[in-house]
Amino acid sequence: MYFRMIIPVRCFSCGKPVAHLWEKYKSRVAKGEDPKKVMDDLGLERYCCRALFLGHVDLLEKVAKFRKT
């Protein structure tokens, strides 16, 4: 079973919806594109939204090991 940590639906600071952009961002960066260019193309202009994407770490796989049964 594959788990992933969910990106917040909206930016914590400005409230802009960002969750729908996460998969596109993640796949393009994994292919080797520059994160700055990808964020520019996706329309992430504010530094708070950019920081949210750059600071997000998928941790649910590690956390799921300790769930209650």
PDB file of N, CA and C in Angstrom:
ATOM      1  N   MET A   1       0.844  -1.176   0.000  1.00  0.00           N
ATOM      2  CA  MET A   1       0.000   0.000   0.000  1.00  0.00           C
ATOM      3  C   MET A   1       0.891   1.242   0.000  1.00  0.00           C
ATOM      4  N   TYR A   2       0.551   2.225  -0.810  1.00  0.00           N
ATOM      5  CA  TYR A   2       1.355   3.432  -0.947  1.00  0.00           C
ATOM      6  C   TYR A   2       0.699   4.579  -0.186  1.00  0.00           C
ATOM      7  N   PHE A   3       1.450   5.190   0.704  1.00  0.00           N
ATOM      8  CA  PHE A   3       0.971   6.339   1.466  1.00  0.00           C
ATOM      9  C   PHE A   3       1.776   7.556   1.068  1.00  0.00           C
ATOM     10  N   ARG A   4       1.199   8.717   1.174  1.00  0.00           N
ATOM     11  CA  ARG A   4       1.952   9.941   0.968  1.00  0.00           C
ATOM     12  C   ARG A   4       1.363  11.044   1.837  1.00  0.00           C
ATOM     13  N   MET A   5       2.206  11.943   2.286  1.00  0.00           N
ATOM     14  CA  MET A   5       1.755  13.053   3.101  1.00  0.00           C
ATOM     15  C   MET A   5       1.053  14.038   2.178  1.00  0.00           C
ATOM     16  N   ILE A   6      -0.054  14.534   2.598  1.00  0.00           N
ATOM     17  CA  ILE A   6      -0.866  15.404   1.750  1.00  0.00           C
ATOM     18  C   ILE A   6      -0.391  16.842   1.899  1.00  0.00           C
ATOM     19  N   ILE A   7      -0.167  17.477   0.770  1.00  0.00           N
ATOM     20  CA  ILE A   7       0.203  18.893   0.754  1.00  0.00           C
ATOM     21  C   ILE A   7      -1.030  19.686   1.220  1.00  0.00           C
ATOM     22  N   PRO A   8      -0.846  20.766   1.959  1.00  0.00           N
ATOM     23  CA  PRO A   8      -2.005  21.572   2.377  1.00  0.00           C
ATOM     24  C   PRO A   8      -2.806  22.077   1.171  1.00  0.00           C
ATOM     25  N   VAL A   9      -4.106  22.147   1.322  1.00  0.00           N
ATOM     26  CA  VAL A   9      -4.971  22.588   0.230  1.00  0.00           C
ATOM     27  C   VAL A   9      -4.678  24.035  -0.136  1.00  0.00           C
ATOM     28  N   ARG A  10      -4.455  24.859   0.873  1.00  0.00           N
ATOM     29  CA  ARG A  10      -4.167  26.278   0.650  1.00  0.00           C
ATOM     30  C   ARG A  10      -2.868  26.659   1.336  1.00  0.00           C
ATOM     31  N   CYS A  11      -2.254  27.711   0.822  1.00  0.00           N
ATOM     32  CA  CYS A  11      -1.049  28.250   1.443  1.00  0.00           C
ATOM     33  C   CYS A  11      -1.414  28.758   2.838  1.00  0.00           C
ATOM     34  N   PHE A  12      -0.553  28.472   3.809  1.00  0.00           N
ATOM     35  CA  PHE A  12      -0.833  28.884   5.183  1.00  0.00           C
ATOM     36  C   PHE A  12      -0.859  30.394   5.336  1.00  0.00           C
ATOM     37  N   SER A  13      -0.053  31.108   4.581  1.00  0.00           N
ATOM     38  CA  SER A  13       0.071  32.555   4.752  1.00  0.00           C
ATOM     39  C   SER A  13      -0.948  33.352   3.965  1.00  0.00           C
ATOM     40  N   CYS A  14      -1.047  33.073   2.648  1.00  0.00           N
ATOM     41  CA  CYS A  14      -1.890  33.927   1.799  1.00  0.00           C
ATOM     42  C   CYS A  14      -3.232  33.302   1.446  1.00  0.00           C
ATOM     43  N   GLY A  15      -3.375  31.992   1.616  1.00  0.00           N
ATOM     44  CA  GLY A  15      -4.649  31.345   1.344  1.00  0.00           C
ATOM     45  C   GLY A  15      -4.854  30.912  -0.098  1.00  0.00           C
ATOM     46  N   LYS A  16      -3.840  31.037  -0.941  1.00  0.00           N
ATOM     47  CA  LYS A  16      -3.973  30.635  -2.341  1.00  0.00           C
ATOM     48  C   LYS A  16      -4.071  29.108  -2.428  1.00  0.00           C
ATOM     49  N   PRO A  17      -5.007  28.573  -3.234  1.00  0.00           N
ATOM     50  CA  PRO A  17      -5.079  27.120  -3.417  1.00  0.00           C
ATOM     51  C   PRO A  17      -3.821  26.607  -4.124  1.00  0.00           C
ATOM     52  N   VAL A  18      -3.159  25.617  -3.525  1.00  0.00           N
ATOM     53  CA  VAL A  18      -1.906  25.113  -4.095  1.00  0.00           C
ATOM     54  C   VAL A  18      -1.875  23.593  -4.236  1.00  0.00           C
ATOM     55  N   ALA A  19      -2.775  22.871  -3.609  1.00  0.00           N
ATOM     56  CA  ALA A  19      -2.709  21.406  -3.576  1.00  0.00           C
ATOM     57  C   ALA A  19      -2.783  20.793  -4.970  1.00  0.00           C
ATOM     58  N   HIS A  20      -3.551  21.399  -5.859  1.00  0.00           N
ATOM     59  CA  HIS A  20      -3.704  20.835  -7.199  1.00  0.00           C
ATOM     60  C   HIS A  20      -2.427  20.930  -8.033  1.00  0.00           C
ATOM     61  N   LEU A  21      -1.457  21.718  -7.592  1.00  0.00           N
ATOM     62  CA  LEU A  21      -0.206  21.898  -8.326  1.00  0.00           C
ATOM     63  C   LEU A  21       0.905  20.959  -7.849  1.00  0.00           C
ATOM     64  N   TRP A  22       0.732  20.319  -6.703  1.00  0.00           N
ATOM     65  CA  TRP A  22       1.809  19.542  -6.097  1.00  0.00           C
ATOM     66  C   TRP A  22       2.285  18.386  -6.972  1.00  0.00           C
ATOM     67  N   GLU A  23       1.380  17.581  -7.504  1.00  0.00           N
ATOM     68  CA  GLU A  23       1.780  16.425  -8.311  1.00  0.00           C
ATOM     69  C   GLU A  23       2.516  16.854  -9.573  1.00  0.00           C
ATOM     70  N   LYS A  24       2.052  17.926 -10.211  1.00  0.00           N
ATOM     71  CA  LYS A  24       2.739  18.444 -11.401  1.00  0.00           C
ATOM     72  C   LYS A  24       4.148  18.902 -11.042  1.00  0.00           C
ATOM     73  N   TYR A  25       4.249  19.631  -9.945  1.00  0.00           N
ATOM     74  CA  TYR A  25       5.551  20.126  -9.491  1.00  0.00           C
ATOM     75  C   TYR A  25       6.484  18.965  -9.182  1.00  0.00           C
ATOM     76  N   LYS A  26       6.009  18.018  -8.426  1.00  0.00           N
ATOM     77  CA  LYS A  26       6.830  16.890  -7.989  1.00  0.00           C
ATOM     78  C   LYS A  26       7.328  16.071  -9.178  1.00  0.00           C
ATOM     79  N   SER A  27       6.459  15.795 -10.141  1.00  0.00           N
ATOM     80  CA  SER A  27       6.863  14.981 -11.287  1.00  0.00           C
ATOM     81  C   SER A  27       7.858  15.718 -12.179  1.00  0.00           C
ATOM     82  N   ARG A  28       7.656  17.016 -12.383  1.00  0.00           N
ATOM     83  CA  ARG A  28       8.576  17.771 -13.242  1.00  0.00           C
ATOM     84  C   ARG A  28       9.949  17.929 -12.605  1.00  0.00           C
ATOM     85  N   VAL A  29       9.992  18.136 -11.292  1.00  0.00           N
ATOM     86  CA  VAL A  29      11.280  18.252 -10.597  1.00  0.00           C
ATOM     87  C   VAL A  29      11.995  16.891 -10.588  1.00  0.00           C
ATOM     88  N   ALA A  30      11.231  15.816 -10.460  1.00  0.00           N
ATOM     89  CA  ALA A  30      11.829  14.482 -10.481  1.00  0.00           C
ATOM     90  C   ALA A  30      12.456  14.165 -11.836  1.00  0.00           C
ATOM     91  N   LYS A  31      11.931  14.771 -12.896  1.00  0.00           N
ATOM     92  CA  LYS A  31      12.487  14.567 -14.236  1.00  0.00           C
ATOM     93  C   LYS A  31      13.749  15.395 -14.462  1.00  0.00           C
ATOM     94  N   GLY A  32      14.072  16.274 -13.516  1.00  0.00           N
ATOM     95  CA  GLY A  32      15.305  17.031 -13.623  1.00  0.00           C
ATOM     96  C   GLY A  32      15.145  18.501 -13.944  1.00  0.00           C
ATOM     97  N   GLU A  33      13.923  18.997 -14.003  1.00  0.00           N
ATOM     98  CA  GLU A  33      13.713  20.416 -14.286  1.00  0.00           C
ATOM     99  C   GLU A  33      14.085  21.259 -13.070  1.00  0.00           C
ATOM    100  N   ASP A  34      14.426  22.504 -13.320  1.00  0.00           N
ATOM    101  CA  ASP A  34      14.784  23.441 -12.265  1.00  0.00           C
ATOM    102  C   ASP A  34      13.530  23.808 -11.467  1.00  0.00           C
ATOM    103  N   PRO A  35      13.548  23.640 -10.128  1.00  0.00           N
ATOM    104  CA  PRO A  35      12.364  23.971  -9.321  1.00  0.00           C
ATOM    105  C   PRO A  35      11.885  25.410  -9.508  1.00  0.00           C
ATOM    106  N   LYS A  36      12.794  26.352  -9.688  1.00  0.00           N
ATOM    107  CA  LYS A  36      12.402  27.755  -9.884  1.00  0.00           C
ATOM    108  C   LYS A  36      11.568  27.912 -11.155  1.00  0.00           C
ATOM    109  N   LYS A  37      12.015  27.293 -12.238  1.00  0.00           N
ATOM    110  CA  LYS A  37      11.294  27.398 -13.503  1.00  0.00           C
ATOM    111  C   LYS A  37       9.929  26.720 -13.408  1.00  0.00           C
ATOM    112  N   VAL A  38       9.878  25.579 -12.741  1.00  0.00           N
ATOM    113  CA  VAL A  38       8.611  24.858 -12.598  1.00  0.00           C
ATOM    114  C   VAL A  38       7.618  25.694 -11.812  1.00  0.00           C
ATOM    115  N   MET A  39       8.064  26.295 -10.700  1.00  0.00           N
ATOM    116  CA  MET A  39       7.158  27.135  -9.906  1.00  0.00           C
ATOM    117  C   MET A  39       6.704  28.355 -10.691  1.00  0.00           C
ATOM    118  N   ASP A  40       7.584  28.939 -11.485  1.00  0.00           N
ATOM    119  CA  ASP A  40       7.191  30.064 -12.345  1.00  0.00           C
ATOM    120  C   ASP A  40       6.124  29.633 -13.337  1.00  0.00           C
ATOM    121  N   ASP A  41       6.319  28.473 -13.971  1.00  0.00           N
ATOM    122  CA  ASP A  41       5.351  27.972 -14.954  1.00  0.00           C
ATOM    123  C   ASP A  41       4.000  27.651 -14.323  1.00  0.00           C
ATOM    124  N   LEU A  42       4.017  27.177 -13.092  1.00  0.00           N
ATOM    125  CA  LEU A  42       2.765  26.824 -12.406  1.00  0.00           C
ATOM    126  C   LEU A  42       2.053  28.036 -11.810  1.00  0.00           C
ATOM    127  N   GLY A  43       2.697  29.185 -11.821  1.00  0.00           N
ATOM    128  CA  GLY A  43       2.064  30.399 -11.317  1.00  0.00           C
ATOM    129  C   GLY A  43       2.258  30.646  -9.833  1.00  0.00           C
ATOM    130  N   LEU A  44       3.256  29.998  -9.235  1.00  0.00           N
ATOM    131  CA  LEU A  44       3.552  30.240  -7.823  1.00  0.00           C
ATOM    132  C   LEU A  44       4.516  31.416  -7.741  1.00  0.00           C
ATOM    133  N   GLU A  45       3.957  32.599  -7.498  1.00  0.00           N
ATOM    134  CA  GLU A  45       4.762  33.811  -7.508  1.00  0.00           C
ATOM    135  C   GLU A  45       5.150  34.286  -6.117  1.00  0.00           C
ATOM    136  N   ARG A  46       4.285  34.056  -5.155  1.00  0.00           N
ATOM    137  CA  ARG A  46       4.549  34.545  -3.801  1.00  0.00           C
ATOM    138  C   ARG A  46       5.563  33.664  -3.088  1.00  0.00           C
ATOM    139  N   TYR A  47       6.401  34.288  -2.293  1.00  0.00           N
ATOM    140  CA  TYR A  47       7.439  33.531  -1.598  1.00  0.00           C
ATOM    141  C   TYR A  47       6.863  32.565  -0.580  1.00  0.00           C
ATOM    142  N   CYS A  48       5.686  32.871  -0.023  1.00  0.00           N
ATOM    143  CA  CYS A  48       5.091  31.967   0.967  1.00  0.00           C
ATOM    144  C   CYS A  48       4.652  30.656   0.306  1.00  0.00           C
ATOM    145  N   CYS A  49       4.095  30.729  -0.889  1.00  0.00           N
ATOM    146  CA  CYS A  49       3.679  29.520  -1.610  1.00  0.00           C
ATOM    147  C   CYS A  49       4.895  28.721  -2.056  1.00  0.00           C
ATOM    148  N   ARG A  50       5.929  29.409  -2.495  1.00  0.00           N
ATOM    149  CA  ARG A  50       7.166  28.739  -2.907  1.00  0.00           C
ATOM    150  C   ARG A  50       7.806  28.018  -1.725  1.00  0.00           C
ATOM    151  N   ALA A  51       7.819  28.667  -0.579  1.00  0.00           N
ATOM    152  CA  ALA A  51       8.406  28.060   0.617  1.00  0.00           C
ATOM    153  C   ALA A  51       7.620  26.818   1.031  1.00  0.00           C
ATOM    154  N   LEU A  52       6.314  26.848   0.862  1.00  0.00           N
ATOM    155  CA  LEU A  52       5.479  25.694   1.178  1.00  0.00           C
ATOM    156  C   LEU A  52       5.873  24.499   0.319  1.00  0.00           C
ATOM    157  N   PHE A  53       6.098  24.730  -0.964  1.00  0.00           N
ATOM    158  CA  PHE A  53       6.488  23.647  -1.867  1.00  0.00           C
ATOM    159  C   PHE A  53       7.903  23.170  -1.586  1.00  0.00           C
ATOM    160  N   LEU A  54       8.821  24.085  -1.359  1.00  0.00           N
ATOM    161  CA  LEU A  54      10.210  23.707  -1.130  1.00  0.00           C
ATOM    162  C   LEU A  54      10.405  23.004   0.217  1.00  0.00           C
ATOM    163  N   GLY A  55       9.581  23.350   1.187  1.00  0.00           N
ATOM    164  CA  GLY A  55       9.730  22.779   2.512  1.00  0.00           C
ATOM    165  C   GLY A  55       8.916  21.526   2.765  1.00  0.00           C
ATOM    166  N   HIS A  56       8.046  21.159   1.834  1.00  0.00           N
ATOM    167  CA  HIS A  56       7.176  19.993   2.045  1.00  0.00           C
ATOM    168  C   HIS A  56       7.963  18.703   1.874  1.00  0.00           C
ATOM    169  N   VAL A  57       7.779  17.776   2.814  1.00  0.00           N
ATOM    170  CA  VAL A  57       8.447  16.476   2.784  1.00  0.00           C
ATOM    171  C   VAL A  57       7.383  15.398   2.960  1.00  0.00           C
ATOM    172  N   ASP A  58       7.401  14.400   2.092  1.00  0.00           N
ATOM    173  CA  ASP A  58       6.466  13.285   2.214  1.00  0.00           C
ATOM    174  C   ASP A  58       6.923  12.375   3.349  1.00  0.00           C
ATOM    175  N   LEU A  59       6.191  12.384   4.449  1.00  0.00           N
ATOM    176  CA  LEU A  59       6.585  11.614   5.631  1.00  0.00           C
ATOM    177  C   LEU A  59       5.588  10.542   6.029  1.00  0.00           C
ATOM    178  N   LEU A  60       4.489  10.451   5.354  1.00  0.00           N
ATOM    179  CA  LEU A  60       3.433   9.542   5.793  1.00  0.00           C
ATOM    180  C   LEU A  60       3.877   8.090   5.791  1.00  0.00           C
ATOM    181  N   GLU A  61       4.760   7.696   4.870  1.00  0.00           N
ATOM    182  CA  GLU A  61       5.243   6.319   4.852  1.00  0.00           C
ATOM    183  C   GLU A  61       5.963   5.984   6.152  1.00  0.00           C
ATOM    184  N   LYS A  62       6.748   6.916   6.662  1.00  0.00           N
ATOM    185  CA  LYS A  62       7.470   6.685   7.907  1.00  0.00           C
ATOM    186  C   LYS A  62       6.537   6.721   9.113  1.00  0.00           C
ATOM    187  N   VAL A  63       5.574   7.623   9.092  1.00  0.00           N
ATOM    188  CA  VAL A  63       4.647   7.772  10.204  1.00  0.00           C
ATOM    189  C   VAL A  63       3.662   6.600  10.251  1.00  0.00           C
ATOM    190  N   ALA A  64       3.298   6.062   9.102  1.00  0.00           N
ATOM    191  CA  ALA A  64       2.311   4.991   9.038  1.00  0.00           C
ATOM    192  C   ALA A  64       2.780   3.719   9.749  1.00  0.00           C
ATOM    193  N   LYS A  65       4.077   3.551   9.931  1.00  0.00           N
ATOM    194  CA  LYS A  65       4.596   2.372  10.628  1.00  0.00           C
ATOM    195  C   LYS A  65       4.113   2.329  12.077  1.00  0.00           C
ATOM    196  N   PHE A  66       3.795   3.477  12.637  1.00  0.00           N
ATOM    197  CA  PHE A  66       3.453   3.578  14.047  1.00  0.00           C
ATOM    198  C   PHE A  66       1.959   3.779  14.294  1.00  0.00           C
ATOM    199  N   ARG A  67       1.127   3.493  13.318  1.00  0.00           N
ATOM    200  CA  ARG A  67      -0.309   3.688  13.502  1.00  0.00           C
ATOM    201  C   ARG A  67      -0.888   2.633  14.432  1.00  0.00           C
ATOM    202  N   LYS A  68      -1.998   2.989  15.057  1.00  0.00           N
ATOM    203  CA  LYS A  68      -2.672   2.047  15.942  1.00  0.00           C
ATOM    204  C   LYS A  68      -3.340   0.962  15.124  1.00  0.00           C
ATOM    205  N   THR A  69      -3.394  -0.229  15.692  1.00  0.00           N
ATOM    206  CA  THR A  69      -4.069  -1.328  14.992  1.00  0.00           C
ATOM    207  C   THR A  69      -5.337  -1.719  15.700  1.00  0.00           C
TER     208      THR A  69
END
